[in-house]
Amino acid sequence: TGAVDENRDLIADFVAQGFSYASDASSLTGIPANEDRILGLFHSGNMDIAMDKIAERRGGAAVGTVATFPDQPMLDEMTRAALEVLKKDGDGFVLMVEGAHIDKQSHAMDADRVIGETIEFDRAIEAGLQFAMKDGKTLVLVTARAG
């Protein structure tokens, strides 16, 4: 346990088990509506922040690692995709969506990016609330943790 196996392709293992693999926002939105398993890996580490992902989508200069990992999905896009898959489980589900960059950008004292991350998180909450209102039996909890 804990050792790297250079000969193993984990993505191929997931695909062999019936998962659809999404490596970017375009492939995430291209997953068929009848899919019931998704593996979304959009970065090899922390995804870029909302402000930088939006700038890349608008054709701006790549900041952060957006140049290496272009077309990263926004948090609300990932939330909607997850809900589309999870709603098919008749036993119910739990989905945890985290806006971690709000805290990270706060530590860096980057107010512009904190605001952008807060807006992105708000949009993910809205995606959950829209789903819950349509579904009629879903509970949405939003919590925060101070620094």
Protein backbone atom coordinates (compact mmCIF):
# COMPACT_ATOMS: atom_id res chain seq x y z
CA THR A 1 0.00 0.00 0.00
CA GLY A 2 1.13 3.51 -0.76
CA ALA A 3 3.55 2.46 -3.51
CA VAL A 4 3.34 3.83 -7.05
CA ASP A 5 2.80 1.19 -9.70
CA GLU A 6 4.21 2.67 -12.91
CA ASN A 7 2.69 -0.18 -14.93
CA ARG A 8 -0.89 0.47 -13.82
CA ASP A 9 -3.27 2.81 -15.63
CA LEU A 10 -5.96 3.71 -13.09
CA ILE A 11 -8.04 5.61 -15.63
CA ALA A 12 -8.11 2.54 -17.88
CA ASP A 13 -9.08 0.44 -14.86
CA PHE A 14 -12.05 2.74 -14.16
CA VAL A 15 -13.11 2.72 -17.83
CA ALA A 16 -12.91 -1.09 -17.84
CA GLN A 17 -15.32 -1.07 -14.88
CA GLY A 18 -17.87 0.94 -16.88
CA PHE A 19 -17.02 4.52 -15.94
CA SER A 20 -17.12 7.31 -18.51
CA TYR A 21 -13.96 9.38 -18.15
CA ALA A 22 -14.04 13.17 -18.40
CA SER A 23 -10.73 15.03 -18.52
CA ASP A 24 -12.11 18.52 -19.15
CA ALA A 25 -15.34 20.54 -19.26
CA SER A 26 -16.04 19.60 -22.88
CA SER A 27 -15.80 15.87 -22.25
CA LEU A 28 -17.87 16.25 -19.07
CA THR A 29 -20.74 17.88 -20.96
CA GLY A 30 -20.38 15.25 -23.70
CA ILE A 31 -21.09 12.32 -21.42
CA PRO A 32 -24.31 10.56 -22.49
CA ALA A 33 -27.43 11.29 -20.44
CA ASN A 34 -27.90 7.61 -19.66
CA GLU A 35 -24.47 7.27 -18.02
CA ASP A 36 -24.50 6.08 -14.45
CA ARG A 37 -20.79 6.26 -13.65
CA ILE A 38 -18.42 9.16 -14.24
CA LEU A 39 -14.77 9.64 -13.38
CA GLY A 40 -13.86 13.31 -13.67
CA LEU A 41 -10.18 14.17 -13.30
CA PHE A 42 -9.53 17.69 -14.52
CA HIS A 43 -6.09 18.42 -13.05
CA SER A 44 -3.19 16.51 -11.53
CA GLY A 45 -3.40 18.65 -8.37
CA ASN A 46 -5.56 21.57 -7.28
CA MET A 47 -7.80 22.87 -10.02
CA ASP A 48 -7.37 26.50 -10.96
CA ILE A 49 -9.54 29.17 -9.43
CA ALA A 50 -12.74 30.43 -11.04
CA MET A 51 -11.30 33.79 -12.11
CA ASP A 52 -8.45 32.11 -14.00
CA LYS A 53 -10.69 29.45 -15.59
CA ILE A 54 -13.08 32.15 -16.78
CA ALA A 55 -10.21 34.24 -18.17
CA GLU A 56 -8.99 31.19 -20.12
CA ARG A 57 -12.48 30.58 -21.52
CA ARG A 58 -12.59 34.18 -22.68
CA GLY A 59 -9.26 33.81 -24.47
CA GLY A 60 -7.23 35.73 -21.91
CA ALA A 61 -3.70 35.08 -20.80
CA ALA A 62 -3.31 31.79 -18.95
CA VAL A 63 -2.69 32.31 -15.24
CA GLY A 64 -1.91 29.53 -12.80
CA THR A 65 -1.85 26.14 -14.48
CA VAL A 66 -4.72 26.84 -16.88
CA ALA A 67 -2.29 26.65 -19.81
CA THR A 68 -1.38 23.09 -18.79
CA PHE A 69 -4.96 22.10 -17.91
CA PRO A 70 -7.26 24.15 -20.16
CA ASP A 71 -11.03 23.81 -20.22
CA GLN A 72 -11.44 22.95 -16.54
CA PRO A 73 -15.11 22.75 -15.55
CA MET A 74 -16.64 25.23 -13.14
CA LEU A 75 -17.94 23.99 -9.80
CA ASP A 76 -21.60 24.32 -10.83
CA GLU A 77 -20.93 22.31 -14.00
CA MET A 78 -19.38 19.49 -11.97
CA THR A 79 -22.26 19.68 -9.47
CA ARG A 80 -24.89 19.38 -12.21
CA ALA A 81 -23.06 16.47 -13.86
CA ALA A 82 -22.78 14.64 -10.53
CA LEU A 83 -26.46 15.19 -9.76
CA GLU A 84 -27.49 13.85 -13.17
CA VAL A 85 -25.67 10.60 -12.44
CA LEU A 86 -26.55 10.29 -8.75
CA LYS A 87 -30.27 10.90 -9.20
CA LYS A 88 -30.51 7.53 -10.96
CA ASP A 89 -29.76 5.68 -7.72
CA GLY A 90 -33.11 4.67 -6.23
CA ASP A 91 -31.54 4.28 -2.78
CA GLY A 92 -30.58 7.95 -2.59
CA PHE A 93 -27.19 9.57 -2.45
CA VAL A 94 -24.92 12.01 -0.66
CA LEU A 95 -22.97 14.56 -2.67
CA MET A 96 -20.36 16.78 -1.04
CA VAL A 97 -19.33 19.86 -3.03
CA GLU A 98 -16.46 21.94 -1.69
CA GLY A 99 -15.42 25.49 -2.52
CA ALA A 100 -11.91 25.05 -1.10
CA HIS A 101 -10.31 27.90 -2.99
CA ILE A 102 -12.29 30.49 -1.02
CA ASP A 103 -10.12 29.66 1.97
CA LYS A 104 -6.91 29.28 -0.02
CA GLN A 105 -7.31 32.68 -1.67
CA SER A 106 -8.21 34.24 1.68
CA HIS A 107 -4.89 33.05 3.10
CA ALA A 108 -3.17 34.70 0.13
CA MET A 109 -5.20 37.87 0.86
CA ASP A 110 -6.35 37.94 -2.77
CA ALA A 111 -9.75 39.60 -2.41
CA ASP A 112 -10.57 39.53 -6.14
CA ARG A 113 -10.11 35.77 -6.29
CA VAL A 114 -11.95 35.21 -2.99
CA ILE A 115 -14.96 37.02 -4.44
CA GLY A 116 -14.76 35.00 -7.65
CA GLU A 117 -14.55 31.74 -5.70
CA THR A 118 -17.50 32.75 -3.53
CA ILE A 119 -19.57 33.46 -6.63
CA GLU A 120 -18.55 30.10 -8.11
CA PHE A 121 -19.58 28.33 -4.89
CA ASP A 122 -22.87 30.24 -4.87
CA ARG A 123 -23.56 28.97 -8.39
CA ALA A 124 -22.89 25.39 -7.27
CA ILE A 125 -25.32 25.89 -4.38
CA GLU A 126 -27.89 27.21 -6.86
CA ALA A 127 -27.42 24.07 -8.98
CA GLY A 128 -28.12 21.97 -5.91
CA LEU A 129 -31.14 24.04 -4.93
CA GLN A 130 -32.61 23.85 -8.43
CA PHE A 131 -32.22 20.09 -8.35
CA ALA A 132 -33.78 19.88 -4.87
CA MET A 133 -36.78 22.01 -5.83
CA LYS A 134 -37.43 19.90 -8.91
CA ASP A 135 -36.81 16.62 -7.08
CA GLY A 136 -38.89 17.51 -4.02
CA LYS A 137 -37.12 15.11 -1.67
CA THR A 138 -33.55 16.37 -1.56
CA LEU A 139 -31.98 18.20 1.36
CA VAL A 140 -29.27 20.76 0.62
CA LEU A 141 -26.97 21.74 3.49
CA VAL A 142 -24.44 24.52 3.18
CA THR A 143 -21.81 24.89 5.88
CA ALA A 144 -18.67 26.91 6.39
CA ARG A 145 -15.59 26.49 8.48
CA ALA A 146 -13.68 29.46 9.78
CA GLY A 147 -9.95 29.49 8.94
